[in-house]
């Protein structure tokens, strides 16, 4: 029970838009109706991600649904980013519950989003699996580092959830006009190129982060 009463929320490290985003979220939190709470926002963000996955899955037949995905990404940002800010603004924090639920929602959301994109035909199944596996490996590192080092590093290379949503939305606009490009005489899906680069980048960042965290933990617990 002593451990349960001494839970310490980890220090957060944000992406390049973090400073602006924090001010916007505080402005929104101050104007949120009293009947809306953090759970409502978490549910809204999750529902938006599920709907985005479904829109992606159908966008191979109706490409205009990629625009719907962009709207749903904005709704997901609103719910997913504002829920914690609202809890802190109202001093209604539940750090264990919030941390667990928020990141399980992120995991399932990523599964539906990437799965829907693979079903659309704009992304190959193999590349989709690579993106998901590398994302989940990075997520495991982030959660373990949060527990062991007390730092919740949301962004790597200046890219966090908000920045990735913006890049994905931009990619959707490109793919609407140009789903394939020719590389070395072969027709290649644009999202296959982007997904392969993203997965490779995640693996490189993961390797560096694991080496850095391992070294720091070793120094903290160096044996005599």
Protein backbone atom coordinates (compact mmCIF):
# COMPACT_ATOMS: atom_id res chain seq x y z
CA UNK A 1 0.00 0.00 0.00
CA UNK A 2 2.90 2.36 0.66
CA UNK A 3 3.99 2.04 -2.97
CA UNK A 4 0.44 2.70 -4.17
CA UNK A 5 0.34 6.06 -2.38
CA UNK A 6 3.70 7.29 -3.66
CA UNK A 7 3.14 7.06 -7.42
CA UNK A 8 5.25 9.72 -9.16
CA UNK A 9 4.14 11.00 -12.53
CA UNK A 10 7.04 10.95 -15.01
CA UNK A 11 8.56 14.07 -16.53
CA UNK A 12 7.36 14.55 -20.12
CA UNK A 13 9.49 15.39 -23.17
CA UNK A 14 7.46 16.72 -26.13
CA UNK A 15 7.96 17.23 -29.87
CA UNK A 16 8.75 20.37 -31.85
CA UNK A 17 5.15 21.61 -31.65
CA UNK A 18 4.96 20.90 -27.91
CA UNK A 19 5.17 24.49 -26.66
CA UNK A 20 2.44 25.79 -28.98
CA UNK A 21 0.33 22.69 -28.46
CA UNK A 22 0.49 23.05 -24.68
CA UNK A 23 -0.82 26.63 -24.86
CA UNK A 24 -3.65 25.63 -27.21
CA UNK A 25 -4.65 22.71 -24.98
CA UNK A 26 -4.70 24.88 -21.86
CA UNK A 27 -6.89 27.40 -23.71
CA UNK A 28 -9.29 24.61 -24.71
CA UNK A 29 -9.31 23.07 -21.22
CA UNK A 30 -10.31 26.40 -19.67
CA UNK A 31 -13.34 26.55 -22.00
CA UNK A 32 -14.45 22.93 -21.85
CA UNK A 33 -18.03 22.49 -20.51
CA UNK A 34 -18.19 21.11 -16.97
CA UNK A 35 -20.23 18.10 -18.13
CA UNK A 36 -17.32 16.93 -20.32
CA UNK A 37 -14.59 15.03 -18.50
CA UNK A 38 -11.34 13.32 -19.44
CA UNK A 39 -12.97 9.93 -20.01
CA UNK A 40 -15.31 11.47 -22.59
CA UNK A 41 -12.34 12.92 -24.43
CA UNK A 42 -10.41 9.63 -24.32
CA UNK A 43 -13.45 7.83 -25.73
CA UNK A 44 -13.82 10.46 -28.45
CA UNK A 45 -10.18 10.11 -29.46
CA UNK A 46 -10.45 6.32 -29.56
CA UNK A 47 -13.68 6.37 -31.58
CA UNK A 48 -12.08 8.77 -34.06
CA UNK A 49 -9.12 6.43 -34.53
CA UNK A 50 -11.39 3.42 -35.10
CA UNK A 51 -13.42 5.43 -37.61
CA UNK A 52 -10.20 6.56 -39.33
CA UNK A 53 -9.16 2.92 -39.70
CA UNK A 54 -12.54 2.10 -41.27
CA UNK A 55 -12.30 5.11 -43.59
CA UNK A 56 -8.82 4.02 -44.63
CA UNK A 57 -10.07 0.49 -45.36
CA UNK A 58 -12.76 1.86 -47.68
CA UNK A 59 -10.63 4.58 -49.27
CA UNK A 60 -9.28 2.19 -51.90
CA UNK A 61 -12.76 2.29 -53.46
CA UNK A 62 -13.55 5.90 -52.54
CA UNK A 63 -10.34 7.96 -52.38
CA UNK A 64 -12.21 11.02 -51.03
CA UNK A 65 -12.39 9.14 -47.72
CA UNK A 66 -8.73 10.06 -47.24
CA UNK A 67 -10.02 13.58 -46.51
CA UNK A 68 -12.34 12.07 -43.91
CA UNK A 69 -9.31 10.35 -42.36
CA UNK A 70 -7.65 13.76 -42.01
CA UNK A 71 -10.70 15.16 -40.22
CA UNK A 72 -10.76 12.13 -37.92
CA UNK A 73 -7.05 12.55 -37.17
CA UNK A 74 -7.84 16.09 -36.00
CA UNK A 75 -10.67 14.77 -33.81
CA UNK A 76 -8.34 12.12 -32.43
CA UNK A 77 -5.76 14.79 -31.57
CA UNK A 78 -8.45 16.81 -29.79
CA UNK A 79 -9.56 13.90 -27.61
CA UNK A 80 -6.24 12.17 -27.11
CA UNK A 81 -4.24 15.30 -26.33
CA UNK A 82 -6.83 17.20 -24.30
CA UNK A 83 -7.90 14.44 -21.90
CA UNK A 84 -4.78 14.62 -19.72
CA UNK A 85 -4.57 18.40 -19.94
CA UNK A 86 -8.18 18.71 -18.77
CA UNK A 87 -7.55 16.37 -15.83
CA UNK A 88 -4.52 18.40 -14.74
CA UNK A 89 -6.32 21.73 -15.28
CA UNK A 90 -9.20 20.62 -13.05
CA UNK A 91 -6.91 18.87 -10.57
CA UNK A 92 -8.71 15.58 -11.25
CA UNK A 93 -5.66 13.49 -12.12
CA UNK A 94 -5.60 9.71 -11.92
CA UNK A 95 -2.01 9.11 -13.04
CA UNK A 96 -2.01 5.28 -13.04
CA UNK A 97 -5.41 4.96 -14.66
CA UNK A 98 -4.73 7.73 -17.14
CA UNK A 99 -1.32 6.44 -18.15
CA UNK A 100 -2.55 2.86 -18.60
CA UNK A 101 -5.80 3.62 -20.44
CA UNK A 102 -4.35 6.35 -22.64
CA UNK A 103 -1.55 4.18 -23.95
CA UNK A 104 -3.60 1.03 -24.38
CA UNK A 105 -5.95 3.17 -26.47
CA UNK A 106 -2.93 4.35 -28.48
CA UNK A 107 -1.85 0.75 -29.13
CA UNK A 108 -5.28 -0.38 -30.34
CA UNK A 109 -5.69 2.85 -32.31
CA UNK A 110 -2.42 2.25 -34.16
CA UNK A 111 -3.51 -1.31 -34.94
CA UNK A 112 -6.79 -0.17 -36.47
CA UNK A 113 -5.24 2.77 -38.31
CA UNK A 114 -2.38 0.85 -39.94
CA UNK A 115 -4.62 -2.18 -40.49
CA UNK A 116 -7.17 -0.04 -42.29
CA UNK A 117 -4.46 1.52 -44.42
CA UNK A 118 -3.22 -1.94 -45.40
CA UNK A 119 -6.77 -3.01 -46.34
CA UNK A 120 -7.11 0.07 -48.54
CA UNK A 121 -4.42 -1.15 -50.93
CA UNK A 122 -2.42 2.05 -50.47
CA UNK A 123 0.02 0.20 -48.19
CA UNK A 124 1.38 -3.33 -48.64
CA UNK A 125 0.62 -5.83 -45.87
CA UNK A 126 4.30 -6.59 -45.30
CA UNK A 127 5.19 -2.93 -44.86
CA UNK A 128 2.19 -2.49 -42.55
CA UNK A 129 3.45 -5.31 -40.33
CA UNK A 130 6.92 -3.75 -40.28
CA UNK A 131 5.50 -0.38 -39.24
CA UNK A 132 3.37 -1.93 -36.49
CA UNK A 133 6.16 -4.11 -35.10
CA UNK A 134 8.65 -1.23 -35.00
CA UNK A 135 6.03 1.04 -33.40
CA UNK A 136 5.19 -1.54 -30.74
CA UNK A 137 8.87 -2.13 -29.98
CA UNK A 138 9.37 1.61 -29.54
CA UNK A 139 6.27 1.76 -27.34
CA UNK A 140 7.64 -1.01 -25.13
CA UNK A 141 10.89 0.93 -24.71
CA UNK A 142 9.04 4.18 -23.90
CA UNK A 143 6.90 2.53 -21.23
CA UNK A 144 9.83 0.69 -19.64
CA UNK A 145 11.96 3.84 -19.68
CA UNK A 146 9.11 5.77 -18.08
CA UNK A 147 8.97 3.24 -15.25
CA UNK A 148 12.72 2.84 -14.73
CA UNK A 149 14.02 6.35 -15.51
CA UNK A 150 11.01 8.49 -14.61
CA UNK A 151 11.00 10.30 -17.97
CA UNK A 152 8.09 9.92 -20.38
CA UNK A 153 9.72 10.73 -23.72
CA UNK A 154 6.80 11.30 -26.06
CA UNK A 155 8.87 12.49 -29.03
CA UNK A 156 12.02 11.25 -30.75
CA UNK A 157 13.88 13.31 -33.32
CA UNK A 158 11.42 16.12 -32.61
CA UNK A 159 8.51 13.95 -33.78
CA UNK A 160 5.70 13.03 -31.42
CA UNK A 161 2.06 12.10 -31.87
CA UNK A 162 0.99 15.54 -33.10
CA UNK A 163 3.80 15.80 -35.63
CA UNK A 164 3.10 12.29 -36.92
CA UNK A 165 -0.59 13.10 -37.37
CA UNK A 166 0.35 16.16 -39.42
CA UNK A 167 2.75 14.17 -41.59
CA UNK A 168 0.18 11.41 -42.11
CA UNK A 169 -2.47 13.96 -43.09
CA UNK A 170 -0.05 15.50 -45.60
CA UNK A 171 0.71 12.02 -46.94
CA UNK A 172 -3.01 11.38 -47.46
CA UNK A 173 -3.28 14.49 -49.63
CA UNK A 174 -0.30 13.38 -51.70
CA UNK A 175 -1.64 9.85 -52.14
CA UNK A 176 -5.03 11.14 -53.30
CA UNK A 177 -3.28 12.69 -56.29
CA UNK A 178 -0.38 10.26 -56.69
CA UNK A 179 -0.77 6.83 -55.04
CA UNK A 180 2.19 5.33 -56.92
CA UNK A 181 5.55 6.52 -58.19
CA UNK A 182 8.10 4.91 -60.47
CA UNK A 183 11.38 3.92 -58.81
CA UNK A 184 14.10 2.20 -60.85
CA UNK A 185 11.53 1.35 -63.48
CA UNK A 186 9.09 -0.18 -61.01
CA UNK A 187 5.74 1.17 -59.86
CA UNK A 188 5.84 1.53 -56.08
CA UNK A 189 3.16 2.64 -53.62
CA UNK A 190 3.98 6.01 -52.08
CA UNK A 191 2.92 4.78 -48.65
CA UNK A 192 5.21 1.75 -49.05
CA UNK A 193 8.15 4.13 -49.42
CA UNK A 194 7.00 6.23 -46.48
CA UNK A 195 6.20 3.19 -44.33
CA UNK A 196 9.54 1.52 -45.03
CA UNK A 197 11.39 4.72 -44.18
CA UNK A 198 9.30 5.16 -41.01
CA UNK A 199 9.93 1.60 -39.84
CA UNK A 200 13.66 1.89 -40.52
CA UNK A 201 13.81 5.23 -38.73
CA UNK A 202 12.00 3.79 -35.71
CA UNK A 203 14.44 0.88 -35.54
CA UNK A 204 17.44 3.22 -35.64
CA UNK A 205 15.97 5.52 -32.99
CA UNK A 206 15.05 2.51 -30.86
CA UNK A 207 18.57 1.11 -31.01
CA UNK A 208 20.03 4.47 -29.94
CA UNK A 209 17.45 4.95 -27.19
CA UNK A 210 17.96 1.45 -25.79
CA UNK A 211 21.74 1.92 -25.73
CA UNK A 212 21.40 5.29 -23.99
CA UNK A 213 18.87 4.04 -21.42
CA UNK A 214 20.86 0.89 -20.70
CA UNK A 215 24.01 2.93 -20.11
CA UNK A 216 22.17 5.37 -17.82
CA UNK A 217 20.56 2.60 -15.78
CA UNK A 218 23.90 0.80 -15.50
CA UNK A 219 25.51 3.96 -14.12
CA UNK A 220 22.66 4.54 -11.70
CA UNK A 221 22.95 1.01 -10.33
CA UNK A 222 26.65 0.38 -10.73
CA UNK A 223 27.74 -2.42 -8.44
CA UNK A 224 30.68 -1.81 -6.04
